[in-house]
Protein backbone atom coordinates (compact mmCIF):
# COMPACT_ATOMS: atom_id res chain seq x y z
CA MET A 1 -0.32 0.08 -0.12
CA PHE A 2 1.10 3.27 -0.77
CA ILE A 3 1.51 6.05 2.35
CA ASP A 4 3.31 9.58 1.60
CA LYS A 5 1.89 11.16 4.71
CA THR A 6 1.78 9.56 8.32
CA GLN A 7 2.17 10.63 12.28
CA VAL A 8 4.68 9.16 14.64
CA ILE A 9 5.67 9.20 18.33
CA VAL A 10 9.27 10.14 19.12
CA HIS A 11 11.19 8.68 22.14
CA ALA A 12 14.59 9.55 22.22
CA GLY A 13 16.78 7.53 25.10
CA ASP A 14 16.86 8.58 28.97
CA GLY A 15 20.20 9.55 30.43
CA GLY A 16 21.17 6.14 32.85
CA ASN A 17 21.35 7.53 36.65
CA GLY A 18 25.24 8.11 38.12
CA ALA A 19 26.01 5.94 41.09
CA VAL A 20 27.06 6.85 44.49
CA SER A 21 29.54 4.10 45.78
CA PHE A 22 32.70 3.93 47.87
CA ARG A 23 35.46 1.72 47.24
CA HIS A 24 35.39 -1.39 50.14
CA GLU A 25 37.94 -4.33 49.85
CA LYS A 26 40.17 -6.00 51.98
CA TYR A 27 43.60 -3.79 52.43
CA VAL A 28 42.55 -1.13 50.89
CA ASP A 29 42.25 1.66 53.60
CA ARG A 30 39.41 4.47 52.71
CA GLY A 31 39.10 3.73 49.31
CA GLY A 32 37.08 6.34 48.54
CA PRO A 33 34.06 7.31 46.11
CA ASP A 34 33.97 5.04 42.99
CA GLY A 35 30.30 5.25 41.84
CA GLY A 36 30.27 5.40 37.68
CA ASP A 37 28.46 7.84 35.19
CA GLY A 38 25.43 7.18 33.57
CA GLY A 39 25.39 5.99 29.98
CA ASN A 40 23.80 8.24 27.40
CA GLY A 41 20.52 7.77 25.72
CA ALA A 42 20.38 7.02 22.38
CA ASP A 43 19.15 9.62 19.48
CA VAL A 44 16.51 9.05 16.95
CA ILE A 45 18.21 9.31 13.51
CA VAL A 46 16.14 9.16 10.31
CA VAL A 47 18.03 7.97 6.96
CA ALA A 48 16.92 8.39 3.64
CA SER A 49 16.90 4.70 1.68
CA ARG A 50 16.29 4.49 -2.03
CA ASN A 51 15.11 1.06 -1.14
CA GLN A 52 12.26 2.30 0.33
CA ASN A 53 9.47 4.08 -1.33
CA THR A 54 6.50 4.05 0.99
CA LEU A 55 5.66 5.40 4.84
CA ALA A 56 3.25 2.17 4.99
CA ALA A 57 5.79 0.64 7.66
CA PHE A 58 4.58 3.29 9.74
CA ARG A 59 1.04 2.54 9.44
CA PHE A 60 0.97 0.32 12.52
CA GLN A 61 4.29 1.08 14.41
CA ARG A 62 3.86 4.34 15.22
CA LEU A 63 5.86 4.68 18.22
CA LEU A 64 10.13 5.52 17.48
CA LYS A 65 11.75 4.86 20.72
CA ALA A 66 15.55 4.52 21.36
CA GLU A 67 17.34 2.40 24.14
CA SER A 68 17.84 4.36 27.26
CA GLY A 69 21.54 4.50 28.96
CA GLN A 70 21.91 2.24 31.77
CA ALA A 71 23.11 3.32 35.14
CA GLY A 72 26.30 3.23 36.09
CA SER A 73 27.96 1.19 39.04
CA LYS A 74 30.67 0.42 41.84
CA ARG A 75 34.51 0.54 40.81
CA LYS A 76 33.74 3.67 38.17
CA ARG A 77 32.07 1.66 35.82
CA HIS A 78 30.55 3.49 33.32
CA GLY A 79 27.09 2.80 32.07
CA ARG A 80 26.37 1.36 28.92
CA SER A 81 25.01 4.11 26.74
CA GLY A 82 22.22 3.51 24.47
CA GLN A 83 22.75 2.07 20.79
CA HIS A 84 21.25 5.07 18.38
CA LEU A 85 17.43 3.98 16.72
CA LEU A 86 18.62 4.54 12.83
CA VAL A 87 14.79 4.56 10.79
CA PRO A 88 14.89 4.18 7.08
CA VAL A 89 12.41 6.34 5.08
CA PRO A 90 12.42 6.91 1.37
CA VAL A 91 14.31 9.81 -0.23
CA GLY A 92 12.17 12.50 -0.50
CA THR A 93 10.56 12.42 2.92
CA THR A 94 10.53 15.53 5.30
CA VAL A 95 9.73 15.63 9.13
CA THR A 96 8.03 18.33 10.96
CA SER A 97 7.38 19.09 14.64
CA PRO A 98 3.39 19.84 15.53
CA GLU A 99 4.53 23.58 15.34
CA GLY A 100 5.26 23.29 11.66
CA ASP A 101 9.11 23.35 12.41
CA VAL A 102 11.15 21.09 9.74
CA LEU A 103 13.56 18.59 11.43
CA ALA A 104 14.75 16.85 8.20
CA ASP A 105 14.79 17.27 4.46
CA LEU A 106 16.40 14.09 2.85
CA THR A 107 16.79 14.56 -0.42
CA THR A 108 19.71 12.20 -0.91
CA ASP A 109 20.57 8.72 -0.27
CA GLY A 110 22.27 7.60 3.00
CA GLN A 111 21.31 11.42 3.99
CA GLN A 112 20.69 11.36 7.80
CA ALA A 113 19.20 13.69 10.31
CA ILE A 114 18.61 13.46 13.94
CA ILE A 115 15.32 14.37 15.07
CA ALA A 116 15.38 13.53 18.83
CA ARG A 117 18.49 14.04 20.99
CA GLY A 118 18.87 11.24 23.78
CA GLY A 119 19.51 12.40 27.54
CA ARG A 120 23.23 13.09 29.14
CA GLY A 121 23.88 10.32 31.74
CA GLY A 122 24.48 11.84 34.83
CA PHE A 123 27.51 11.74 37.22
CA GLY A 124 28.50 8.95 39.59
CA ASN A 125 29.99 10.33 43.03
CA ALA A 126 33.19 9.60 41.66
CA HIS A 127 33.04 12.63 39.25
CA PHE A 128 32.55 14.95 42.30
CA THR A 129 35.77 14.26 44.36
CA SER A 130 38.18 17.22 45.11
CA SER A 131 40.85 18.25 47.67
CA THR A 132 38.05 19.61 49.84
CA ARG A 133 35.37 17.00 49.19
CA GLN A 134 36.57 13.58 49.29
CA ALA A 135 33.83 11.89 50.25
CA PRO A 136 30.74 13.39 48.43
CA ARG A 137 27.56 11.29 48.29
CA VAL A 138 25.56 12.87 45.56
CA ALA A 139 24.92 11.52 42.14
CA GLU A 140 23.21 12.63 39.09
CA LYS A 141 19.93 11.53 37.38
CA GLY A 142 20.02 10.75 33.44
CA GLU A 143 18.31 13.45 31.80
CA HIS A 144 15.36 12.54 29.43
CA GLY A 145 15.82 12.14 26.11
CA GLU A 146 13.57 14.58 24.05
CA GLN A 147 9.82 13.03 22.95
CA LEU A 148 7.52 14.71 20.47
CA GLU A 149 4.94 13.82 18.10
CA ALA A 150 6.43 14.30 14.28
CA THR A 151 4.48 14.02 10.77
CA LEU A 152 6.54 12.07 7.67
CA GLU A 153 5.97 13.36 4.86
CA LEU A 154 6.94 11.92 1.20
CA LYS A 155 7.47 14.09 -1.58
CA MET A 156 8.95 11.99 -4.80
CA ILE A 157 12.23 13.44 -6.41
CA ALA A 158 11.60 13.47 -10.01
CA ASP A 159 12.95 15.14 -13.09
CA VAL A 160 9.98 15.72 -14.44
CA GLY A 161 6.03 15.76 -13.18
CA LEU A 162 3.35 14.76 -15.31
CA VAL A 163 0.08 17.20 -14.61
CA GLY A 164 -3.37 17.42 -16.24
CA LEU A 165 -6.80 16.35 -15.28
CA PRO A 166 -8.16 12.87 -15.14
CA ASN A 167 -8.10 10.56 -18.63
CA ALA A 168 -5.44 13.11 -20.28
CA GLY A 169 -3.26 10.26 -20.48
CA LYS A 170 -0.89 10.34 -18.47
CA SER A 171 -0.38 6.92 -17.48
CA THR A 172 -0.47 6.14 -20.90
CA PHE A 173 2.34 8.08 -21.75
CA LEU A 174 4.57 7.13 -18.84
CA ALA A 175 3.92 2.98 -19.89
CA ALA A 176 4.91 4.41 -23.49
CA VAL A 177 8.21 5.90 -22.65
CA SER A 178 9.23 4.03 -19.59
CA ASN A 179 9.65 1.40 -17.94
CA ALA A 180 6.72 1.75 -15.51
CA LYS A 181 3.46 -0.22 -15.65
CA PRO A 182 0.92 1.78 -14.02
CA GLU A 183 -2.74 0.93 -14.18
CA ILE A 184 -4.29 2.04 -17.53
CA ALA A 185 -8.19 2.35 -18.07
CA ASP A 186 -11.10 4.77 -19.78
CA TYR A 187 -12.61 5.96 -16.27
CA PRO A 188 -11.62 9.26 -14.45
CA PHE A 189 -9.09 8.44 -11.25
CA THR A 190 -7.89 5.22 -12.64
CA THR A 191 -4.48 6.00 -11.44
CA LEU A 192 -4.68 6.26 -7.30
CA GLN A 193 -1.12 6.70 -6.33
CA PRO A 194 1.90 8.52 -7.86
CA ASN A 195 3.77 6.32 -10.30
CA LEU A 196 7.56 6.78 -11.25
CA GLY A 197 9.27 5.88 -14.78
CA VAL A 198 13.42 5.85 -15.83
CA VAL A 199 13.07 7.19 -19.39
CA ASP A 200 16.30 6.47 -21.17
CA ILE A 201 17.13 9.39 -24.09
CA ASP A 202 19.33 7.87 -26.64
CA GLY A 203 21.90 5.79 -23.77
CA THR A 204 23.64 9.42 -23.31
CA ASP A 205 20.58 10.70 -20.66
CA SER A 206 17.68 9.16 -18.26
CA LEU A 207 14.76 11.42 -17.43
CA LEU A 208 12.83 10.25 -14.12
CA ILE A 209 9.00 11.00 -14.53
CA ALA A 210 6.62 11.03 -11.99
CA ASP A 211 3.02 10.45 -12.71
CA ILE A 212 0.56 12.80 -10.18
CA PRO A 213 -2.74 10.98 -10.02
CA GLY A 214 -5.60 13.20 -11.90
CA LEU A 215 -6.27 17.03 -10.13
CA ILE A 216 -9.52 18.82 -10.88
CA GLU A 217 -10.44 22.24 -9.96
CA GLY A 218 -10.27 22.50 -6.28
CA ALA A 219 -8.01 20.06 -5.80
CA SER A 220 -5.85 22.69 -3.92
CA GLU A 221 -8.96 22.69 -1.40
CA GLY A 222 -9.14 18.94 -0.85
CA LYS A 223 -10.98 17.93 -3.88
CA GLY A 224 -10.45 14.92 -5.23
CA LEU A 225 -7.18 13.52 -5.31
CA GLY A 226 -4.87 16.56 -6.04
CA ASP A 227 -4.27 17.71 -2.55
CA GLU A 228 -3.18 14.52 -1.28
CA PHE A 229 -0.72 14.48 -4.37
CA LEU A 230 0.15 18.20 -5.31
CA ARG A 231 3.07 17.62 -2.76
CA HIS A 232 5.02 15.58 -4.99
CA VAL A 233 5.05 18.16 -7.62
CA GLU A 234 6.98 20.10 -4.94
CA ARG A 235 10.25 18.20 -5.45
CA THR A 236 10.00 17.82 -9.49
CA ASN A 237 12.27 20.33 -11.84
CA VAL A 238 9.82 20.83 -14.93
CA LEU A 239 6.00 20.30 -15.45
CA LEU A 240 4.91 18.11 -18.44
CA HIS A 241 1.35 19.43 -18.69
CA LEU A 242 -0.84 16.89 -20.40
CA ILE A 243 -3.96 18.38 -22.16
CA ASP A 244 -6.95 15.62 -23.84
CA VAL A 245 -7.16 17.13 -27.38
CA TYR A 246 -10.98 15.93 -27.16
CA SER A 247 -11.57 18.55 -24.18
CA PRO A 248 -14.39 20.68 -24.90
CA ASP A 249 -12.75 23.55 -23.73
CA LEU A 250 -8.82 23.55 -23.82
CA VAL A 251 -8.29 26.76 -22.72
CA LYS A 252 -10.64 26.43 -19.77
CA THR A 253 -8.72 22.82 -19.26
CA TYR A 254 -5.22 24.33 -19.28
CA GLN A 255 -6.43 27.32 -16.82
CA THR A 256 -8.00 24.78 -14.50
CA ILE A 257 -4.79 23.09 -13.46
CA GLN A 258 -2.74 26.29 -13.81
CA GLU A 259 -4.96 27.80 -11.19
CA GLU A 260 -4.69 24.72 -8.95
CA LEU A 261 -0.95 24.92 -9.34
CA ARG A 262 -0.80 28.53 -8.41
CA SER A 263 -3.14 28.28 -5.49
CA TYR A 264 -1.63 25.03 -3.80
CA ARG A 265 0.57 26.27 -0.25
CA VAL A 266 3.80 26.59 -2.51
CA ASP A 267 3.11 28.25 -5.85
CA LEU A 268 4.23 25.50 -8.17
CA SER A 269 2.56 27.45 -11.17
CA ASN A 270 6.26 29.20 -11.92
CA ARG A 271 7.70 25.94 -12.40
CA PRO A 272 9.11 25.47 -15.75
CA GLN A 273 6.61 23.72 -17.91
CA VAL A 274 6.26 22.11 -21.76
CA ILE A 275 2.56 21.57 -22.69
CA ALA A 276 1.43 18.54 -24.93
CA LEU A 277 -1.88 17.78 -26.57
CA ASN A 278 -2.36 14.34 -26.18
CA LYS A 279 -4.65 11.59 -28.28
CA ILE A 280 -4.08 13.17 -31.81
CA GLU A 281 -4.37 10.14 -33.54
CA GLY A 282 -6.95 9.99 -36.07
CA LEU A 283 -7.13 13.82 -36.49
CA ASP A 284 -6.32 15.97 -39.34
CA GLU A 285 -3.29 18.47 -39.36
CA LYS A 286 -5.80 21.79 -39.53
CA THR A 287 -7.79 20.91 -36.29
CA ILE A 288 -4.69 19.87 -34.56
CA LYS A 289 -2.75 23.71 -35.56
CA ALA A 290 -5.64 25.02 -34.58
CA GLN A 291 -6.08 23.29 -31.43
CA LEU A 292 -2.23 24.59 -30.57
CA ALA A 293 -3.06 27.90 -31.63
CA LEU A 294 -5.74 28.20 -28.89
CA ILE A 295 -3.39 26.96 -26.40
CA LYS A 296 -0.60 29.39 -27.56
CA LYS A 297 -2.76 32.38 -26.61
CA VAL A 298 -2.59 31.45 -23.31
CA ALA A 299 0.46 29.71 -22.29
CA PRO A 300 3.56 32.08 -21.34
CA LYS A 301 5.24 32.96 -24.45
CA ALA A 302 8.51 31.26 -23.61
CA THR A 303 6.48 27.95 -23.00
CA PRO A 304 7.24 24.79 -25.38
CA ILE A 305 3.95 23.05 -27.14
CA PHE A 306 3.66 20.27 -28.78
CA ALA A 307 1.22 17.59 -29.92
CA ILE A 308 1.15 14.17 -29.47
CA SER A 309 -0.36 10.69 -29.23
CA ALA A 310 1.33 8.64 -26.16
CA MET A 311 -1.01 5.75 -27.44
CA SER A 312 1.01 5.62 -31.40
CA LYS A 313 3.71 7.44 -30.18
CA GLN A 314 3.81 10.24 -32.49
CA GLY A 315 5.55 13.14 -31.72
CA VAL A 316 6.93 11.49 -28.71
CA LYS A 317 10.32 11.66 -29.47
CA GLU A 318 10.44 15.00 -30.45
CA LEU A 319 8.83 15.85 -26.93
CA LEU A 320 11.47 13.79 -24.98
CA TYR A 321 14.20 15.92 -26.41
CA LYS A 322 12.64 19.14 -25.34
CA VAL A 323 11.98 17.86 -22.07
CA GLN A 324 15.46 17.09 -21.78
CA LYS A 325 17.10 20.15 -22.67
CA VAL A 326 14.89 21.93 -20.14
CA VAL A 327 15.50 19.22 -17.48
CA GLN A 328 19.44 20.13 -18.47
CA ALA A 329 18.86 23.88 -18.10
CA GLU A 330 16.91 24.00 -15.00
CA ARG A 331 19.55 21.40 -13.58
CA LYS A 332 22.11 24.10 -14.15
CA ARG A 333 20.29 26.86 -12.66
CA ALA A 334 19.72 24.75 -9.61
CA ALA A 335 23.45 24.09 -9.47
CA GLU A 336 24.22 27.69 -9.78
CA GLN A 337 22.09 28.70 -7.21
CA ALA A 338 23.11 26.37 -4.74
CA GLU A 339 26.20 27.63 -5.18
CA ASP A 340 26.02 31.24 -4.72
CA GLU A 341 23.84 30.45 -1.41
CA ALA A 342 26.84 28.05 -0.16
CA GLN A 343 29.57 30.85 -0.71
CA ASN A 344 26.74 33.29 0.81
CA LEU A 345 26.08 31.46 4.02
CA PRO A 346 25.36 33.26 7.04
CA VAL A 347 27.31 33.40 10.14
CA ILE A 348 25.35 31.49 12.83
CA ARG A 349 26.42 31.98 16.48
CA LEU A 350 25.63 29.30 18.89
CA LYS A 351 23.58 30.74 21.68
CA GLY A 352 24.57 30.00 25.23
CA ASP A 353 22.21 28.98 27.59
CA GLY A 354 20.64 31.52 28.07
CA PRO A 355 19.67 33.56 30.98
CA TRP A 356 17.26 32.81 34.10
CA HIS A 357 14.16 34.49 35.63
CA LEU A 358 12.17 34.86 38.66
CA GLU A 359 8.90 35.16 39.54
CA LYS A 360 6.55 35.55 42.40
CA THR A 361 3.54 32.77 43.03
CA GLU A 362 1.04 32.45 45.76
CA THR A 363 3.44 30.13 47.70
CA GLY A 364 7.35 31.30 46.72
CA PHE A 365 9.10 31.84 43.56
CA LEU A 366 9.14 30.23 40.19
CA VAL A 367 12.66 29.97 38.66
CA THR A 368 13.26 29.61 35.44
CA GLY A 369 16.03 29.30 32.11
CA SER A 370 17.52 26.24 30.52
CA LYS A 371 20.44 25.89 32.57
CA ILE A 372 19.12 26.03 36.10
CA GLU A 373 16.45 23.65 34.81
CA ARG A 374 19.01 21.22 33.48
CA PHE A 375 20.92 20.84 36.52
CA ALA A 376 17.26 20.24 38.31
CA MET A 377 16.58 17.18 36.11
CA ARG A 378 19.62 15.92 37.08
CA THR A 379 19.08 16.16 40.96
CA ASP A 380 17.40 13.83 42.88
CA PHE A 381 14.85 15.54 45.19
CA ASP A 382 15.01 12.50 47.37
CA SER A 383 18.49 13.15 48.25
CA PRO A 384 19.57 15.58 50.90
CA PHE A 385 23.14 15.66 49.32
CA GLY A 386 21.51 16.14 45.72
CA LEU A 387 19.06 19.01 47.00
CA GLU A 388 22.43 20.56 48.75
CA ARG A 389 24.27 20.70 45.64
CA LEU A 390 21.25 22.37 43.65
CA ARG A 391 21.14 24.77 46.32
CA ASP A 392 25.04 25.33 45.77
CA ILE A 393 24.34 25.80 42.49
CA MET A 394 21.86 28.56 42.95
CA ARG A 395 24.11 30.18 44.94
CA LYS A 396 26.80 30.03 42.33
CA MET A 397 24.28 30.91 39.42
CA GLY A 398 23.45 34.40 41.58
CA ILE A 399 19.80 32.78 41.82
CA THR A 400 19.82 32.92 45.68
CA HIS A 401 21.10 36.51 46.05
CA GLU A 402 18.00 37.88 44.01
CA LEU A 403 15.57 35.37 45.85
CA GLU A 404 16.56 37.17 49.06
CA ARG A 405 16.75 41.03 47.60
CA GLN A 406 13.18 39.70 47.26
CA LYS A 407 12.84 39.29 50.81
CA ILE A 408 12.10 35.11 50.17
CA GLU A 409 10.82 34.06 53.63
CA PRO A 410 11.98 30.64 55.06
CA GLY A 411 9.78 27.77 54.48
CA GLN A 412 8.54 29.28 51.16
CA THR A 413 8.85 26.86 48.22
CA ILE A 414 11.13 27.57 45.21
CA ALA A 415 9.56 25.76 41.94
CA ILE A 416 12.10 25.29 39.21
CA GLY A 417 10.52 24.77 36.01
CA ARG A 418 7.88 22.45 36.32
CA ILE A 419 11.12 19.83 37.23
CA GLY A 420 10.94 19.94 41.28
CA SER A 421 10.75 22.25 44.14
CA ILE A 422 12.81 23.08 47.30
CA GLU A 423 12.20 25.35 50.47
CA TYR A 424 14.21 27.99 50.96
């Protein structure tokens, strides 16, 4: 079954907890702390694979969960880190967050992207030894891995996208020029899923052509099948617009498709196009010229227009040669644009952990900020030694000073984000 859009739940691995341990061995006096660090949680990584052509594998397996890191143990043994979860997806897959942010856009075979990062393992008490702190009884908890709902969306990558109303002959054309075997019938919406075919051009070049299921008026708003498959046109370099020469109104037929391409979330009407009037077998030359003249009046001046018969292959070779030239020009333009963008890349400066913020509440104060919240996430609130370390961190960050300046009273609660709270 062809599935080109699905939602998944992504869980990266949690970090392992650090250990509190002291060395106890015969003949070893005051062995000291030897609690090891916890292992890091695993990332969830999507990998583009040319061996995948649909997202059907995620229809019944919506949870993508990576391994968590193991806890540290005595003798300074580090917990094992989780093994990263590699998720194969078809080339052309995009991954977006619920907010619409693009987490990954995979356009080449083997390309990888991390969509959820695993939590860092907590330090064991051996990590906190110093000349003044020789027997620490504090260890960190592992951080939680990132969790989110993500949308996987497949957009086929092809050189040429076939567009047109139902029964324009797109499947017949694809079958005639390539190795594809799409279903062909004389009723509308025969093609229920996009088909790909490779067209060989005199053994020197090849074109990848995608047959997009028939569009109708209102497709960009969800009517018919167009709303589901217009996304596949986004990746194509050139559009080949097939029109049934027997259409009652050729101009309206052409304008209908152009309007749907223009109304889509990404304006596709500006893509390089080649127009082909199909099914001319049996028509005399005078009628064909008259139909071509109608389309020339409404199409942009530079748009190549052909009259062909996909059934008898009349005019098909000339059309393919022209499409090849347009595709080559578009490839060259895209390569030059990519080179210019690479030379003018902006300088991105990494942001720090950011400041903390203090807010008064009914029961005390609320402290927020990425850095202090990360420390709190790694704190064991059931351990007095862990709480004392957190208070020490708050002193060093200046949070305690600000709390005292705002006249915090003994017994009031200090909440740190949504992670936990301590009493002053």
